[in-house]
Amino acid sequence: MTQTPDPIMNQRLDLWLLHARFGRSRGTCARIASGGHVRINRQRVTKAHAQVHVGDILTLPSPDRQTVIVIRVVACAGRRQSAPLAQLLYEIVPETV
């Protein structure tokens, strides 16, 4: 009888950013995480090894560095996959006025 592996419920921030394709390399994602621009549940993060859990709210700088993106972590992945699959790891939280 084969047993399915348990889903990953938490992961290092730099790995999660890499798997969700917010950076091209782990080093780039580590610089994003340790640069002080990322928040997990409103808490500023300065360490790449900070843990991201399913359900956490992340605030990231947008690619143009003028605004921020607020996302909810939906899942964690074991490895980097295609862009359509990476987009399933998070959902964008809409702005409220």
N, C-alpha and C. Protein backbone atom coordinates (compact mmCIF):
# COMPACT_ATOMS: atom_id res chain seq x y z
N MET A 1 0.84 -1.18 0.00
CA MET A 1 0.00 0.00 0.00
C MET A 1 0.89 1.24 0.00
N THR A 2 0.65 2.16 -0.91
CA THR A 2 1.44 3.39 -0.97
C THR A 2 0.74 4.48 -0.17
N GLN A 3 1.55 5.21 0.52
CA GLN A 3 1.02 6.29 1.35
C GLN A 3 1.40 7.62 0.71
N THR A 4 0.44 8.51 0.61
CA THR A 4 0.73 9.83 0.04
C THR A 4 1.50 10.64 1.07
N PRO A 5 2.48 11.42 0.62
CA PRO A 5 3.24 12.24 1.57
C PRO A 5 2.37 13.34 2.16
N ASP A 6 2.69 13.70 3.38
CA ASP A 6 1.96 14.79 4.04
C ASP A 6 2.21 16.09 3.29
N PRO A 7 1.19 16.92 3.16
CA PRO A 7 1.41 18.21 2.50
C PRO A 7 2.33 19.08 3.35
N ILE A 8 3.11 19.89 2.69
CA ILE A 8 4.02 20.79 3.40
C ILE A 8 3.20 21.96 3.93
N MET A 9 3.27 22.20 5.23
CA MET A 9 2.46 23.25 5.86
C MET A 9 3.28 24.49 6.20
N ASN A 10 4.61 24.38 6.23
CA ASN A 10 5.44 25.56 6.46
C ASN A 10 6.75 25.39 5.71
N GLN A 11 7.41 26.54 5.47
CA GLN A 11 8.62 26.53 4.65
C GLN A 11 9.40 27.80 4.91
N ARG A 12 10.69 27.75 4.63
CA ARG A 12 11.53 28.96 4.73
C ARG A 12 11.02 30.00 3.76
N LEU A 13 11.10 31.26 4.14
CA LEU A 13 10.61 32.35 3.30
C LEU A 13 11.33 32.40 1.96
N ASP A 14 12.66 32.28 1.96
CA ASP A 14 13.39 32.37 0.70
C ASP A 14 13.03 31.22 -0.25
N LEU A 15 12.82 30.03 0.29
CA LEU A 15 12.40 28.90 -0.56
C LEU A 15 10.99 29.09 -1.08
N TRP A 16 10.09 29.59 -0.23
CA TRP A 16 8.72 29.79 -0.70
C TRP A 16 8.69 30.85 -1.80
N LEU A 17 9.45 31.93 -1.65
CA LEU A 17 9.51 32.96 -2.69
C LEU A 17 10.06 32.39 -4.00
N LEU A 18 11.05 31.51 -3.89
CA LEU A 18 11.61 30.87 -5.09
C LEU A 18 10.58 29.97 -5.76
N HIS A 19 9.91 29.14 -4.98
CA HIS A 19 8.92 28.22 -5.53
C HIS A 19 7.71 28.95 -6.10
N ALA A 20 7.37 30.10 -5.54
CA ALA A 20 6.25 30.90 -6.05
C ALA A 20 6.69 31.85 -7.16
N ARG A 21 7.97 31.79 -7.53
CA ARG A 21 8.54 32.56 -8.65
C ARG A 21 8.52 34.06 -8.44
N PHE A 22 8.85 34.50 -7.23
CA PHE A 22 9.02 35.93 -6.97
C PHE A 22 10.47 36.35 -7.19
N GLY A 23 11.33 35.39 -7.49
CA GLY A 23 12.73 35.65 -7.82
C GLY A 23 13.25 34.53 -8.70
N ARG A 24 14.34 34.81 -9.40
CA ARG A 24 14.88 33.83 -10.34
C ARG A 24 15.83 32.85 -9.69
N SER A 25 16.42 33.21 -8.55
CA SER A 25 17.35 32.32 -7.86
C SER A 25 17.10 32.40 -6.36
N ARG A 26 17.64 31.42 -5.65
CA ARG A 26 17.46 31.43 -4.20
C ARG A 26 18.19 32.61 -3.57
N GLY A 27 19.32 32.99 -4.14
CA GLY A 27 20.06 34.14 -3.63
C GLY A 27 19.26 35.42 -3.77
N THR A 28 18.59 35.59 -4.90
CA THR A 28 17.75 36.76 -5.10
C THR A 28 16.61 36.78 -4.09
N CYS A 29 15.99 35.64 -3.89
CA CYS A 29 14.88 35.55 -2.93
C CYS A 29 15.36 35.78 -1.51
N ALA A 30 16.57 35.32 -1.20
CA ALA A 30 17.12 35.57 0.14
C ALA A 30 17.38 37.05 0.35
N ARG A 31 17.84 37.76 -0.70
CA ARG A 31 18.06 39.21 -0.58
C ARG A 31 16.74 39.95 -0.40
N ILE A 32 15.70 39.51 -1.10
CA ILE A 32 14.37 40.12 -0.92
C ILE A 32 13.90 39.92 0.52
N ALA A 33 14.07 38.70 1.02
CA ALA A 33 13.60 38.37 2.38
C ALA A 33 14.40 39.09 3.45
N SER A 34 15.71 39.18 3.28
CA SER A 34 16.54 39.77 4.33
C SER A 34 16.68 41.29 4.18
N GLY A 35 16.12 41.86 3.13
CA GLY A 35 16.22 43.29 2.91
C GLY A 35 15.29 44.12 3.77
N GLY A 36 14.40 43.48 4.49
CA GLY A 36 13.49 44.21 5.36
C GLY A 36 12.25 44.75 4.66
N HIS A 37 12.02 44.31 3.42
CA HIS A 37 10.88 44.80 2.66
C HIS A 37 9.68 43.86 2.73
N VAL A 38 9.86 42.67 3.30
CA VAL A 38 8.79 41.68 3.37
C VAL A 38 8.21 41.67 4.78
N ARG A 39 6.90 41.54 4.85
CA ARG A 39 6.22 41.40 6.14
C ARG A 39 5.40 40.12 6.13
N ILE A 40 5.45 39.40 7.23
CA ILE A 40 4.62 38.21 7.43
C ILE A 40 3.65 38.54 8.54
N ASN A 41 2.36 38.57 8.21
CA ASN A 41 1.33 38.92 9.19
C ASN A 41 1.66 40.23 9.90
N ARG A 42 2.03 41.25 9.10
CA ARG A 42 2.34 42.61 9.56
C ARG A 42 3.64 42.74 10.33
N GLN A 43 4.41 41.67 10.48
CA GLN A 43 5.69 41.72 11.18
C GLN A 43 6.81 41.78 10.16
N ARG A 44 7.66 42.79 10.25
CA ARG A 44 8.79 42.94 9.33
C ARG A 44 9.74 41.75 9.50
N VAL A 45 10.21 41.23 8.39
CA VAL A 45 11.12 40.08 8.39
C VAL A 45 12.48 40.54 7.87
N THR A 46 13.55 40.16 8.58
CA THR A 46 14.89 40.48 8.12
C THR A 46 15.75 39.23 7.99
N LYS A 47 15.16 38.08 8.09
CA LYS A 47 15.89 36.81 7.97
C LYS A 47 15.28 35.96 6.87
N ALA A 48 16.12 35.40 6.03
CA ALA A 48 15.64 34.54 4.94
C ALA A 48 15.08 33.23 5.46
N HIS A 49 15.47 32.83 6.67
CA HIS A 49 15.00 31.56 7.21
C HIS A 49 13.70 31.69 8.01
N ALA A 50 13.06 32.85 7.97
CA ALA A 50 11.76 33.01 8.65
C ALA A 50 10.78 32.00 8.07
N GLN A 51 9.92 31.45 8.91
CA GLN A 51 8.98 30.42 8.48
C GLN A 51 7.69 31.02 7.95
N VAL A 52 7.25 30.52 6.81
CA VAL A 52 5.98 30.90 6.20
C VAL A 52 5.04 29.71 6.37
N HIS A 53 3.85 29.97 6.88
CA HIS A 53 2.85 28.92 7.09
C HIS A 53 1.68 29.15 6.15
N VAL A 54 0.99 28.07 5.84
CA VAL A 54 -0.22 28.18 5.03
C VAL A 54 -1.21 29.06 5.79
N GLY A 55 -1.77 30.06 5.10
CA GLY A 55 -2.70 31.00 5.72
C GLY A 55 -2.07 32.33 6.09
N ASP A 56 -0.74 32.42 6.07
CA ASP A 56 -0.07 33.68 6.39
C ASP A 56 -0.35 34.73 5.32
N ILE A 57 -0.31 35.98 5.73
CA ILE A 57 -0.46 37.12 4.82
C ILE A 57 0.93 37.72 4.63
N LEU A 58 1.38 37.81 3.38
CA LEU A 58 2.68 38.40 3.06
C LEU A 58 2.48 39.73 2.36
N THR A 59 3.30 40.69 2.72
CA THR A 59 3.33 41.98 2.05
C THR A 59 4.70 42.09 1.39
N LEU A 60 4.71 42.21 0.06
CA LEU A 60 5.94 42.24 -0.71
C LEU A 60 6.00 43.50 -1.56
N PRO A 61 7.20 43.99 -1.87
CA PRO A 61 7.28 45.11 -2.79
C PRO A 61 6.93 44.64 -4.20
N SER A 62 6.24 45.49 -4.95
CA SER A 62 5.91 45.14 -6.33
C SER A 62 7.17 45.27 -7.19
N PRO A 63 7.17 44.69 -8.38
CA PRO A 63 8.36 44.79 -9.23
C PRO A 63 8.79 46.22 -9.54
N ASP A 64 7.84 47.16 -9.59
CA ASP A 64 8.21 48.55 -9.88
C ASP A 64 8.69 49.30 -8.63
N ARG A 65 8.61 48.66 -7.47
CA ARG A 65 9.05 49.22 -6.18
C ARG A 65 8.27 50.47 -5.77
N GLN A 66 7.14 50.75 -6.41
CA GLN A 66 6.33 51.92 -6.07
C GLN A 66 5.17 51.55 -5.16
N THR A 67 4.70 50.32 -5.24
CA THR A 67 3.57 49.86 -4.44
C THR A 67 3.93 48.53 -3.79
N VAL A 68 2.99 47.98 -3.06
CA VAL A 68 3.19 46.67 -2.44
C VAL A 68 2.13 45.70 -2.93
N ILE A 69 2.44 44.42 -2.82
CA ILE A 69 1.51 43.35 -3.16
C ILE A 69 1.18 42.62 -1.86
N VAL A 70 -0.09 42.41 -1.61
CA VAL A 70 -0.52 41.67 -0.42
C VAL A 70 -1.07 40.33 -0.90
N ILE A 71 -0.48 39.25 -0.39
CA ILE A 71 -0.91 37.92 -0.83
C ILE A 71 -1.15 37.02 0.39
N ARG A 72 -1.97 36.01 0.19
CA ARG A 72 -2.23 34.99 1.21
C ARG A 72 -1.58 33.69 0.74
N VAL A 73 -0.81 33.05 1.61
CA VAL A 73 -0.16 31.79 1.27
C VAL A 73 -1.21 30.69 1.30
N VAL A 74 -1.38 30.01 0.17
CA VAL A 74 -2.38 28.95 0.05
C VAL A 74 -1.74 27.59 0.22
N ALA A 75 -0.50 27.45 -0.25
CA ALA A 75 0.19 26.15 -0.17
C ALA A 75 1.69 26.38 -0.21
N CYS A 76 2.42 25.33 0.13
CA CYS A 76 3.87 25.31 0.01
C CYS A 76 4.23 24.18 -0.95
N ALA A 77 5.28 24.37 -1.72
CA ALA A 77 5.68 23.38 -2.70
C ALA A 77 7.01 22.76 -2.31
N GLY A 78 7.23 21.54 -2.74
CA GLY A 78 8.48 20.86 -2.47
C GLY A 78 9.60 21.27 -3.40
N ARG A 79 9.24 21.79 -4.58
CA ARG A 79 10.24 22.24 -5.54
C ARG A 79 9.64 23.29 -6.46
N ARG A 80 10.50 23.97 -7.21
CA ARG A 80 10.07 24.99 -8.15
C ARG A 80 9.41 24.33 -9.35
N GLN A 81 8.26 24.84 -9.76
CA GLN A 81 7.52 24.27 -10.87
C GLN A 81 7.19 25.35 -11.88
N SER A 82 6.35 25.02 -12.83
CA SER A 82 5.99 25.97 -13.87
C SER A 82 5.22 27.16 -13.28
N ALA A 83 5.18 28.25 -14.04
CA ALA A 83 4.53 29.47 -13.57
C ALA A 83 3.04 29.26 -13.25
N PRO A 84 2.27 28.56 -14.09
CA PRO A 84 0.86 28.35 -13.73
C PRO A 84 0.69 27.59 -12.41
N LEU A 85 1.56 26.62 -12.15
CA LEU A 85 1.48 25.89 -10.88
C LEU A 85 1.97 26.75 -9.71
N ALA A 86 2.95 27.61 -9.97
CA ALA A 86 3.45 28.49 -8.91
C ALA A 86 2.37 29.48 -8.47
N GLN A 87 1.52 29.91 -9.38
CA GLN A 87 0.47 30.85 -9.03
C GLN A 87 -0.59 30.23 -8.14
N LEU A 88 -0.62 28.91 -8.05
CA LEU A 88 -1.57 28.23 -7.16
C LEU A 88 -1.10 28.25 -5.71
N LEU A 89 0.13 28.68 -5.46
CA LEU A 89 0.66 28.72 -4.10
C LEU A 89 0.17 29.92 -3.31
N TYR A 90 -0.40 30.90 -3.99
CA TYR A 90 -0.84 32.12 -3.30
C TYR A 90 -2.06 32.70 -3.99
N GLU A 91 -2.74 33.58 -3.27
CA GLU A 91 -3.83 34.36 -3.85
C GLU A 91 -3.61 35.81 -3.45
N ILE A 92 -3.88 36.69 -4.38
CA ILE A 92 -3.71 38.12 -4.12
C ILE A 92 -4.90 38.63 -3.33
N VAL A 93 -4.63 39.32 -2.24
CA VAL A 93 -5.67 39.88 -1.39
C VAL A 93 -6.09 41.22 -2.02
N PRO A 94 -7.37 41.36 -2.36
CA PRO A 94 -7.81 42.61 -2.99
C PRO A 94 -7.76 43.78 -2.00
N GLU A 95 -7.52 44.97 -2.56
CA GLU A 95 -7.51 46.18 -1.73
C GLU A 95 -8.91 46.50 -1.26
N THR A 96 -9.01 47.00 -0.05
CA THR A 96 -10.29 47.47 0.47
C THR A 96 -10.18 48.96 0.73
N VAL A 97 -11.23 49.67 0.44
CA VAL A 97 -11.20 51.12 0.61
C VAL A 97 -11.85 51.50 1.92
